[in-house]
PDB file of N, CA and C in Angstrom:
ATOM      1  N   MET A   1       6.910  29.664 -25.657  1.00  0.00           N
ATOM      2  CA  MET A   1       8.183  29.182 -25.203  1.00  0.00           C
ATOM      3  C   MET A   1       8.012  27.956 -24.304  1.00  0.00           C
ATOM      4  N   LEU A   2       7.073  28.010 -23.377  1.00  0.00           N
ATOM      5  CA  LEU A   2       6.861  26.894 -22.460  1.00  0.00           C
ATOM      6  C   LEU A   2       6.479  25.620 -23.214  1.00  0.00           C
ATOM      7  N   ILE A   3       5.646  25.741 -24.208  1.00  0.00           N
ATOM      8  CA  ILE A   3       5.233  24.577 -24.989  1.00  0.00           C
ATOM      9  C   ILE A   3       6.428  23.991 -25.737  1.00  0.00           C
ATOM     10  N   THR A   4       7.268  24.834 -26.299  1.00  0.00           N
ATOM     11  CA  THR A   4       8.466  24.372 -27.011  1.00  0.00           C
ATOM     12  C   THR A   4       9.393  23.600 -26.066  1.00  0.00           C
ATOM     13  N   ILE A   5       9.631  24.132 -24.900  1.00  0.00           N
ATOM     14  CA  ILE A   5      10.485  23.458 -23.914  1.00  0.00           C
ATOM     15  C   ILE A   5       9.860  22.139 -23.492  1.00  0.00           C
ATOM     16  N   ALA A   6       8.556  22.148 -23.223  1.00  0.00           N
ATOM     17  CA  ALA A   6       7.877  20.937 -22.780  1.00  0.00           C
ATOM     18  C   ALA A   6       7.971  19.819 -23.810  1.00  0.00           C
ATOM     19  N   LYS A   7       7.938  20.164 -25.091  1.00  0.00           N
ATOM     20  CA  LYS A   7       8.026  19.155 -26.150  1.00  0.00           C
ATOM     21  C   LYS A   7       9.422  18.556 -26.256  1.00  0.00           C
ATOM     22  N   LYS A   8      10.437  19.276 -25.787  1.00  0.00           N
ATOM     23  CA  LYS A   8      11.817  18.826 -25.944  1.00  0.00           C
ATOM     24  C   LYS A   8      12.401  18.164 -24.700  1.00  0.00           C
ATOM     25  N   THR A   9      11.636  18.039 -23.664  1.00  0.00           N
ATOM     26  CA  THR A   9      12.152  17.431 -22.440  1.00  0.00           C
ATOM     27  C   THR A   9      11.343  16.185 -22.086  1.00  0.00           C
ATOM     28  N   PRO A  10      11.986  15.168 -21.507  1.00  0.00           N
ATOM     29  CA  PRO A  10      11.262  13.951 -21.148  1.00  0.00           C
ATOM     30  C   PRO A  10      10.472  14.068 -19.843  1.00  0.00           C
ATOM     31  N   VAL A  11      10.625  15.166 -19.125  1.00  0.00           N
ATOM     32  CA  VAL A  11       9.901  15.319 -17.855  1.00  0.00           C
ATOM     33  C   VAL A  11       8.651  16.159 -18.065  1.00  0.00           C
ATOM     34  N   LYS A  12       7.696  15.987 -17.194  1.00  0.00           N
ATOM     35  CA  LYS A  12       6.458  16.772 -17.251  1.00  0.00           C
ATOM     36  C   LYS A  12       6.713  18.149 -16.650  1.00  0.00           C
ATOM     37  N   ILE A  13       6.225  19.177 -17.305  1.00  0.00           N
ATOM     38  CA  ILE A  13       6.325  20.538 -16.797  1.00  0.00           C
ATOM     39  C   ILE A  13       4.939  20.981 -16.358  1.00  0.00           C
ATOM     40  N   ILE A  14       4.846  21.453 -15.132  1.00  0.00           N
ATOM     41  CA  ILE A  14       3.576  21.964 -14.622  1.00  0.00           C
ATOM     42  C   ILE A  14       3.736  23.470 -14.433  1.00  0.00           C
ATOM     43  N   ALA A  15       3.021  24.222 -15.235  1.00  0.00           N
ATOM     44  CA  ALA A  15       3.070  25.683 -15.157  1.00  0.00           C
ATOM     45  C   ALA A  15       2.166  26.155 -14.030  1.00  0.00           C
ATOM     46  N   CYS A  16       2.501  27.295 -13.454  1.00  0.00           N
ATOM     47  CA  CYS A  16       1.639  27.845 -12.406  1.00  0.00           C
ATOM     48  C   CYS A  16       1.093  29.195 -12.830  1.00  0.00           C
ATOM     49  N   THR A  17      -0.036  29.547 -12.262  1.00  0.00           N
ATOM     50  CA  THR A  17      -0.631  30.853 -12.478  1.00  0.00           C
ATOM     51  C   THR A  17      -0.558  31.615 -11.169  1.00  0.00           C
ATOM     52  N   GLY A  18      -0.576  32.897 -11.253  1.00  0.00           N
ATOM     53  CA  GLY A  18      -0.486  33.750 -10.071  1.00  0.00           C
ATOM     54  C   GLY A  18       0.242  35.024 -10.444  1.00  0.00           C
ATOM     55  N   PHE A  19       0.509  35.853  -9.473  1.00  0.00           N
ATOM     56  CA  PHE A  19       1.152  37.130  -9.735  1.00  0.00           C
ATOM     57  C   PHE A  19       2.324  37.317  -8.785  1.00  0.00           C
ATOM     58  N   VAL A  20       3.343  38.005  -9.253  1.00  0.00           N
ATOM     59  CA  VAL A  20       4.508  38.282  -8.422  1.00  0.00           C
ATOM     60  C   VAL A  20       4.284  39.571  -7.647  1.00  0.00           C
ATOM     61  N   ASP A  21       5.238  39.928  -6.843  1.00  0.00           N
ATOM     62  CA  ASP A  21       5.193  41.160  -6.056  1.00  0.00           C
ATOM     63  C   ASP A  21       4.904  42.349  -6.971  1.00  0.00           C
ATOM     64  N   TRP A  22       3.939  43.171  -6.613  1.00  0.00           N
ATOM     65  CA  TRP A  22       3.535  44.307  -7.448  1.00  0.00           C
ATOM     66  C   TRP A  22       4.722  45.209  -7.765  1.00  0.00           C
ATOM     67  N   ALA A  23       5.670  45.335  -6.869  1.00  0.00           N
ATOM     68  CA  ALA A  23       6.819  46.225  -7.088  1.00  0.00           C
ATOM     69  C   ALA A  23       7.670  45.786  -8.275  1.00  0.00           C
ATOM     70  N   LEU A  24       7.559  44.534  -8.688  1.00  0.00           N
ATOM     71  CA  LEU A  24       8.360  44.030  -9.797  1.00  0.00           C
ATOM     72  C   LEU A  24       7.757  44.341 -11.164  1.00  0.00           C
ATOM     73  N   TYR A  25       6.509  44.796 -11.186  1.00  0.00           N
ATOM     74  CA  TYR A  25       5.881  45.144 -12.451  1.00  0.00           C
ATOM     75  C   TYR A  25       6.337  46.524 -12.903  1.00  0.00           C
ATOM     76  N   GLU A  26       6.417  46.731 -14.202  1.00  0.00           N
ATOM     77  CA  GLU A  26       6.900  47.993 -14.750  1.00  0.00           C
ATOM     78  C   GLU A  26       5.962  49.159 -14.447  1.00  0.00           C
ATOM     79  N   SER A  27       4.675  48.951 -14.609  1.00  0.00           N
ATOM     80  CA  SER A  27       3.730  50.039 -14.368  1.00  0.00           C
ATOM     81  C   SER A  27       3.377  50.079 -12.886  1.00  0.00           C
ATOM     82  N   SER A  28       3.348  51.241 -12.333  1.00  0.00           N
ATOM     83  CA  SER A  28       3.035  51.379 -10.914  1.00  0.00           C
ATOM     84  C   SER A  28       2.066  52.540 -10.757  1.00  0.00           C
ATOM     85  N   PRO A  29       0.923  52.397 -10.109  1.00  0.00           N
ATOM     86  CA  PRO A  29       0.466  51.128  -9.545  1.00  0.00           C
ATOM     87  C   PRO A  29      -0.022  50.181 -10.639  1.00  0.00           C
ATOM     88  N   HIS A  30       0.157  48.919 -10.430  1.00  0.00           N
ATOM     89  CA  HIS A  30      -0.237  47.913 -11.407  1.00  0.00           C
ATOM     90  C   HIS A  30      -1.755  47.860 -11.509  1.00  0.00           C
ATOM     91  N   TRP A  31      -2.273  47.583 -12.695  1.00  0.00           N
ATOM     92  CA  TRP A  31      -3.725  47.576 -12.920  1.00  0.00           C
ATOM     93  C   TRP A  31      -4.451  46.568 -12.053  1.00  0.00           C
ATOM     94  N   LEU A  32      -3.766  45.509 -11.606  1.00  0.00           N
ATOM     95  CA  LEU A  32      -4.429  44.516 -10.760  1.00  0.00           C
ATOM     96  C   LEU A  32      -4.831  45.070  -9.402  1.00  0.00           C
ATOM     97  N   LEU A  33      -4.165  46.134  -8.973  1.00  0.00           N
ATOM     98  CA  LEU A  33      -4.519  46.737  -7.686  1.00  0.00           C
ATOM     99  C   LEU A  33      -5.945  47.266  -7.682  1.00  0.00           C
ATOM    100  N   ASP A  34      -6.477  47.576  -8.857  1.00  0.00           N
ATOM    101  CA  ASP A  34      -7.842  48.083  -8.978  1.00  0.00           C
ATOM    102  C   ASP A  34      -8.860  46.994  -9.286  1.00  0.00           C
ATOM    103  N   CYS A  35      -8.420  45.744  -9.423  1.00  0.00           N
ATOM    104  CA  CYS A  35      -9.327  44.637  -9.743  1.00  0.00           C
ATOM    105  C   CYS A  35      -9.966  44.070  -8.481  1.00  0.00           C
ATOM    106  N   SER A  36     -11.181  43.611  -8.643  1.00  0.00           N
ATOM    107  CA  SER A  36     -11.867  42.953  -7.530  1.00  0.00           C
ATOM    108  C   SER A  36     -11.315  41.545  -7.353  1.00  0.00           C
ATOM    109  N   LEU A  37     -11.529  40.987  -6.195  1.00  0.00           N
ATOM    110  CA  LEU A  37     -11.124  39.610  -5.928  1.00  0.00           C
ATOM    111  C   LEU A  37     -11.789  38.660  -6.913  1.00  0.00           C
ATOM    112  N   GLU A  38     -13.030  38.945  -7.289  1.00  0.00           N
ATOM    113  CA  GLU A  38     -13.747  38.111  -8.254  1.00  0.00           C
ATOM    114  C   GLU A  38     -13.077  38.141  -9.624  1.00  0.00           C
ATOM    115  N   LYS A  39     -12.622  39.316 -10.068  1.00  0.00           N
ATOM    116  CA  LYS A  39     -11.965  39.443 -11.370  1.00  0.00           C
ATOM    117  C   LYS A  39     -10.621  38.714 -11.369  1.00  0.00           C
ATOM    118  N   ILE A  40      -9.856  38.854 -10.301  1.00  0.00           N
ATOM    119  CA  ILE A  40      -8.567  38.161 -10.199  1.00  0.00           C
ATOM    120  C   ILE A  40      -8.780  36.655 -10.167  1.00  0.00           C
ATOM    121  N   SER A  41      -9.776  36.204  -9.409  1.00  0.00           N
ATOM    122  CA  SER A  41     -10.089  34.771  -9.339  1.00  0.00           C
ATOM    123  C   SER A  41     -10.468  34.236 -10.714  1.00  0.00           C
ATOM    124  N   LYS A  42     -11.234  35.022 -11.473  1.00  0.00           N
ATOM    125  CA  LYS A  42     -11.641  34.624 -12.822  1.00  0.00           C
ATOM    126  C   LYS A  42     -10.418  34.493 -13.740  1.00  0.00           C
ATOM    127  N   LEU A  43      -9.491  35.455 -13.668  1.00  0.00           N
ATOM    128  CA  LEU A  43      -8.277  35.390 -14.491  1.00  0.00           C
ATOM    129  C   LEU A  43      -7.468  34.132 -14.191  1.00  0.00           C
ATOM    130  N   LEU A  44      -7.309  33.804 -12.919  1.00  0.00           N
ATOM    131  CA  LEU A  44      -6.538  32.620 -12.542  1.00  0.00           C
ATOM    132  C   LEU A  44      -7.242  31.336 -12.986  1.00  0.00           C
ATOM    133  N   ALA A  45      -8.552  31.281 -12.818  1.00  0.00           N
ATOM    134  CA  ALA A  45      -9.307  30.102 -13.252  1.00  0.00           C
ATOM    135  C   ALA A  45      -9.219  29.924 -14.765  1.00  0.00           C
ATOM    136  N   GLU A  46      -9.257  31.022 -15.513  1.00  0.00           N
ATOM    137  CA  GLU A  46      -9.161  30.936 -16.970  1.00  0.00           C
ATOM    138  C   GLU A  46      -7.792  30.419 -17.413  1.00  0.00           C
ATOM    139  N   GLU A  47      -6.745  30.723 -16.658  1.00  0.00           N
ATOM    140  CA  GLU A  47      -5.425  30.210 -17.017  1.00  0.00           C
ATOM    141  C   GLU A  47      -5.355  28.695 -16.830  1.00  0.00           C
ATOM    142  N   ILE A  48      -6.153  28.167 -15.948  1.00  0.00           N
ATOM    143  CA  ILE A  48      -6.202  26.718 -15.728  1.00  0.00           C
ATOM    144  C   ILE A  48      -7.148  26.052 -16.731  1.00  0.00           C
ATOM    145  N   LEU A  49      -8.286  26.648 -16.957  1.00  0.00           N
ATOM    146  CA  LEU A  49      -9.316  26.029 -17.788  1.00  0.00           C
ATOM    147  C   LEU A  49      -9.170  26.313 -19.282  1.00  0.00           C
ATOM    148  N   GLU A  50      -8.685  27.512 -19.645  1.00  0.00           N
ATOM    149  CA  GLU A  50      -8.644  27.915 -21.055  1.00  0.00           C
ATOM    150  C   GLU A  50      -7.229  28.011 -21.621  1.00  0.00           C
ATOM    151  N   GLY A  51      -6.299  28.524 -20.862  1.00  0.00           N
ATOM    152  CA  GLY A  51      -4.927  28.705 -21.324  1.00  0.00           C
ATOM    153  C   GLY A  51      -4.312  29.943 -20.704  1.00  0.00           C
ATOM    154  N   MET A  52      -2.993  29.928 -20.619  1.00  0.00           N
ATOM    155  CA  MET A  52      -2.284  31.034 -19.999  1.00  0.00           C
ATOM    156  C   MET A  52      -2.163  32.223 -20.961  1.00  0.00           C
ATOM    157  N   ASP A  53      -2.101  33.423 -20.392  1.00  0.00           N
ATOM    158  CA  ASP A  53      -1.982  34.625 -21.210  1.00  0.00           C
ATOM    159  C   ASP A  53      -0.578  34.739 -21.783  1.00  0.00           C
ATOM    160  N   LEU A  54      -0.489  34.925 -23.075  1.00  0.00           N
ATOM    161  CA  LEU A  54       0.787  35.032 -23.769  1.00  0.00           C
ATOM    162  C   LEU A  54       1.625  36.196 -23.246  1.00  0.00           C
ATOM    163  N   TYR A  55       0.969  37.265 -22.808  1.00  0.00           N
ATOM    164  CA  TYR A  55       1.666  38.485 -22.417  1.00  0.00           C
ATOM    165  C   TYR A  55       1.802  38.666 -20.902  1.00  0.00           C
ATOM    166  N   ASN A  56       1.465  37.637 -20.124  1.00  0.00           N
ATOM    167  CA  ASN A  56       1.548  37.726 -18.658  1.00  0.00           C
ATOM    168  C   ASN A  56       0.772  38.917 -18.104  1.00  0.00           C
ATOM    169  N   TYR A  57      -0.335  39.237 -18.719  1.00  0.00           N
ATOM    170  CA  TYR A  57      -1.210  40.336 -18.311  1.00  0.00           C
ATOM    171  C   TYR A  57      -0.522  41.696 -18.320  1.00  0.00           C
ATOM    172  N   MET A  58       0.503  41.845 -19.153  1.00  0.00           N
ATOM    173  CA  MET A  58       1.188  43.129 -19.269  1.00  0.00           C
ATOM    174  C   MET A  58       0.744  43.902 -20.509  1.00  0.00           C
ATOM    175  N   ALA A  59      -0.037  43.284 -21.378  1.00  0.00           N
ATOM    176  CA  ALA A  59      -0.514  43.948 -22.590  1.00  0.00           C
ATOM    177  C   ALA A  59      -1.949  44.434 -22.361  1.00  0.00           C
ATOM    178  N   PRO A  60      -2.418  45.314 -23.208  1.00  0.00           N
ATOM    179  CA  PRO A  60      -3.797  45.782 -23.046  1.00  0.00           C
ATOM    180  C   PRO A  60      -4.837  44.734 -23.449  1.00  0.00           C
ATOM    181  N   ILE A  61      -4.389  43.624 -24.033  1.00  0.00           N
ATOM    182  CA  ILE A  61      -5.308  42.552 -24.406  1.00  0.00           C
ATOM    183  C   ILE A  61      -4.837  41.245 -23.779  1.00  0.00           C
ATOM    184  N   ILE A  62      -5.728  40.285 -23.685  1.00  0.00           N
ATOM    185  CA  ILE A  62      -5.382  38.952 -23.196  1.00  0.00           C
ATOM    186  C   ILE A  62      -5.430  38.002 -24.380  1.00  0.00           C
ATOM    187  N   LYS A  63      -4.357  37.255 -24.596  1.00  0.00           N
ATOM    188  CA  LYS A  63      -4.294  36.270 -25.670  1.00  0.00           C
ATOM    189  C   LYS A  63      -3.937  34.932 -25.037  1.00  0.00           C
ATOM    190  N   ARG A  64      -4.888  34.034 -25.013  1.00  0.00           N
ATOM    191  CA  ARG A  64      -4.692  32.728 -24.385  1.00  0.00           C
ATOM    192  C   ARG A  64      -3.846  31.817 -25.275  1.00  0.00           C
ATOM    193  N   THR A  65      -2.943  31.061 -24.651  1.00  0.00           N
ATOM    194  CA  THR A  65      -2.132  30.077 -25.356  1.00  0.00           C
ATOM    195  C   THR A  65      -2.735  28.691 -25.132  1.00  0.00           C
ATOM    196  N   ARG A  66      -2.155  27.679 -25.764  1.00  0.00           N
ATOM    197  CA  ARG A  66      -2.608  26.304 -25.540  1.00  0.00           C
ATOM    198  C   ARG A  66      -2.110  25.772 -24.207  1.00  0.00           C
ATOM    199  N   ALA A  67      -1.058  26.368 -23.662  1.00  0.00           N
ATOM    200  CA  ALA A  67      -0.499  25.919 -22.379  1.00  0.00           C
ATOM    201  C   ALA A  67      -1.428  26.334 -21.243  1.00  0.00           C
ATOM    202  N   LYS A  68      -1.788  25.373 -20.418  1.00  0.00           N
ATOM    203  CA  LYS A  68      -2.668  25.640 -19.279  1.00  0.00           C
ATOM    204  C   LYS A  68      -1.897  25.478 -17.984  1.00  0.00           C
ATOM    205  N   ALA A  69      -2.226  26.311 -17.008  1.00  0.00           N
ATOM    206  CA  ALA A  69      -1.599  26.207 -15.691  1.00  0.00           C
ATOM    207  C   ALA A  69      -2.130  24.982 -14.972  1.00  0.00           C
ATOM    208  N   GLY A  70      -1.268  24.368 -14.167  1.00  0.00           N
ATOM    209  CA  GLY A  70      -1.676  23.199 -13.391  1.00  0.00           C
ATOM    210  C   GLY A  70      -1.807  23.479 -11.912  1.00  0.00           C
ATOM    211  N   VAL A  71      -1.259  24.611 -11.464  1.00  0.00           N
ATOM    212  CA  VAL A  71      -1.338  24.990 -10.047  1.00  0.00           C
ATOM    213  C   VAL A  71      -1.459  26.510  -9.951  1.00  0.00           C
ATOM    214  N   ILE A  72      -1.913  26.978  -8.798  1.00  0.00           N
ATOM    215  CA  ILE A  72      -1.963  28.403  -8.504  1.00  0.00           C
ATOM    216  C   ILE A  72      -0.910  28.684  -7.445  1.00  0.00           C
ATOM    217  N   LYS A  73      -0.010  29.622  -7.722  1.00  0.00           N
ATOM    218  CA  LYS A  73       0.992  29.990  -6.721  1.00  0.00           C
ATOM    219  C   LYS A  73       0.427  31.085  -5.831  1.00  0.00           C
ATOM    220  N   VAL A  74       0.835  31.057  -4.602  1.00  0.00           N
ATOM    221  CA  VAL A  74       0.413  32.085  -3.658  1.00  0.00           C
ATOM    222  C   VAL A  74       1.628  32.554  -2.878  1.00  0.00           C
ATOM    223  N   GLY A  75       1.540  33.695  -2.295  1.00  0.00           N
ATOM    224  CA  GLY A  75       2.623  34.226  -1.487  1.00  0.00           C
ATOM    225  C   GLY A  75       2.064  35.126  -0.405  1.00  0.00           C
ATOM    226  N   THR A  76       2.897  35.447   0.538  1.00  0.00           N
ATOM    227  CA  THR A  76       2.507  36.334   1.633  1.00  0.00           C
ATOM    228  C   THR A  76       3.584  37.388   1.806  1.00  0.00           C
ATOM    229  N   GLY A  77       3.324  38.328   2.666  1.00  0.00           N
ATOM    230  CA  GLY A  77       4.354  39.286   3.040  1.00  0.00           C
ATOM    231  C   GLY A  77       5.370  38.583   3.934  1.00  0.00           C
ATOM    232  N   TYR A  78       6.484  39.230   4.187  1.00  0.00           N
ATOM    233  CA  TYR A  78       7.531  38.629   5.013  1.00  0.00           C
ATOM    234  C   TYR A  78       7.009  38.399   6.425  1.00  0.00           C
ATOM    235  N   GLN A  79       6.874  37.163   6.803  1.00  0.00           N
ATOM    236  CA  GLN A  79       6.426  36.695   8.123  1.00  0.00           C
ATOM    237  C   GLN A  79       5.021  37.191   8.501  1.00  0.00           C
ATOM    238  N   ASN A  80       4.225  37.554   7.519  1.00  0.00           N
ATOM    239  CA  ASN A  80       2.831  37.912   7.781  1.00  0.00           C
ATOM    240  C   ASN A  80       2.035  37.794   6.488  1.00  0.00           C
ATOM    241  N   ILE A  81       0.731  37.842   6.604  1.00  0.00           N
ATOM    242  CA  ILE A  81      -0.138  37.805   5.434  1.00  0.00           C
ATOM    243  C   ILE A  81      -0.698  39.199   5.225  1.00  0.00           C
ATOM    244  N   ASN A  82      -0.466  39.759   4.060  1.00  0.00           N
ATOM    245  CA  ASN A  82      -0.913  41.105   3.736  1.00  0.00           C
ATOM    246  C   ASN A  82      -2.131  41.075   2.856  1.00  0.00           C
ATOM    247  N   GLY A  83      -3.018  42.017   3.019  1.00  0.00           N
ATOM    248  CA  GLY A  83      -4.124  42.201   2.083  1.00  0.00           C
ATOM    249  C   GLY A  83      -3.622  42.997   0.897  1.00  0.00           C
ATOM    250  N   PHE A  84      -4.449  43.123  -0.156  1.00  0.00           N
ATOM    251  CA  PHE A  84      -4.035  43.985  -1.263  1.00  0.00           C
ATOM    252  C   PHE A  84      -5.081  44.991  -1.550  1.00  0.00           C
TER     253      PHE A  84
END
């Protein structure tokens, strides 16, 4: 979808990689809660270097698209920085 939109607009689209609040994911606890920092870092780097996951890491497999992320989004807890 992102590639289709990007081809039809005259402006540059920069996709970001990262994860939203765990509470917004359907499965709880989300599988990322059990991942090491190294594994999460590898997933984010692969979205920049190889392509973004078609399924947003919600499927049991990872399928890379041609669209690559250009930035990494980050977030914190409300008025503080939380660990995970």
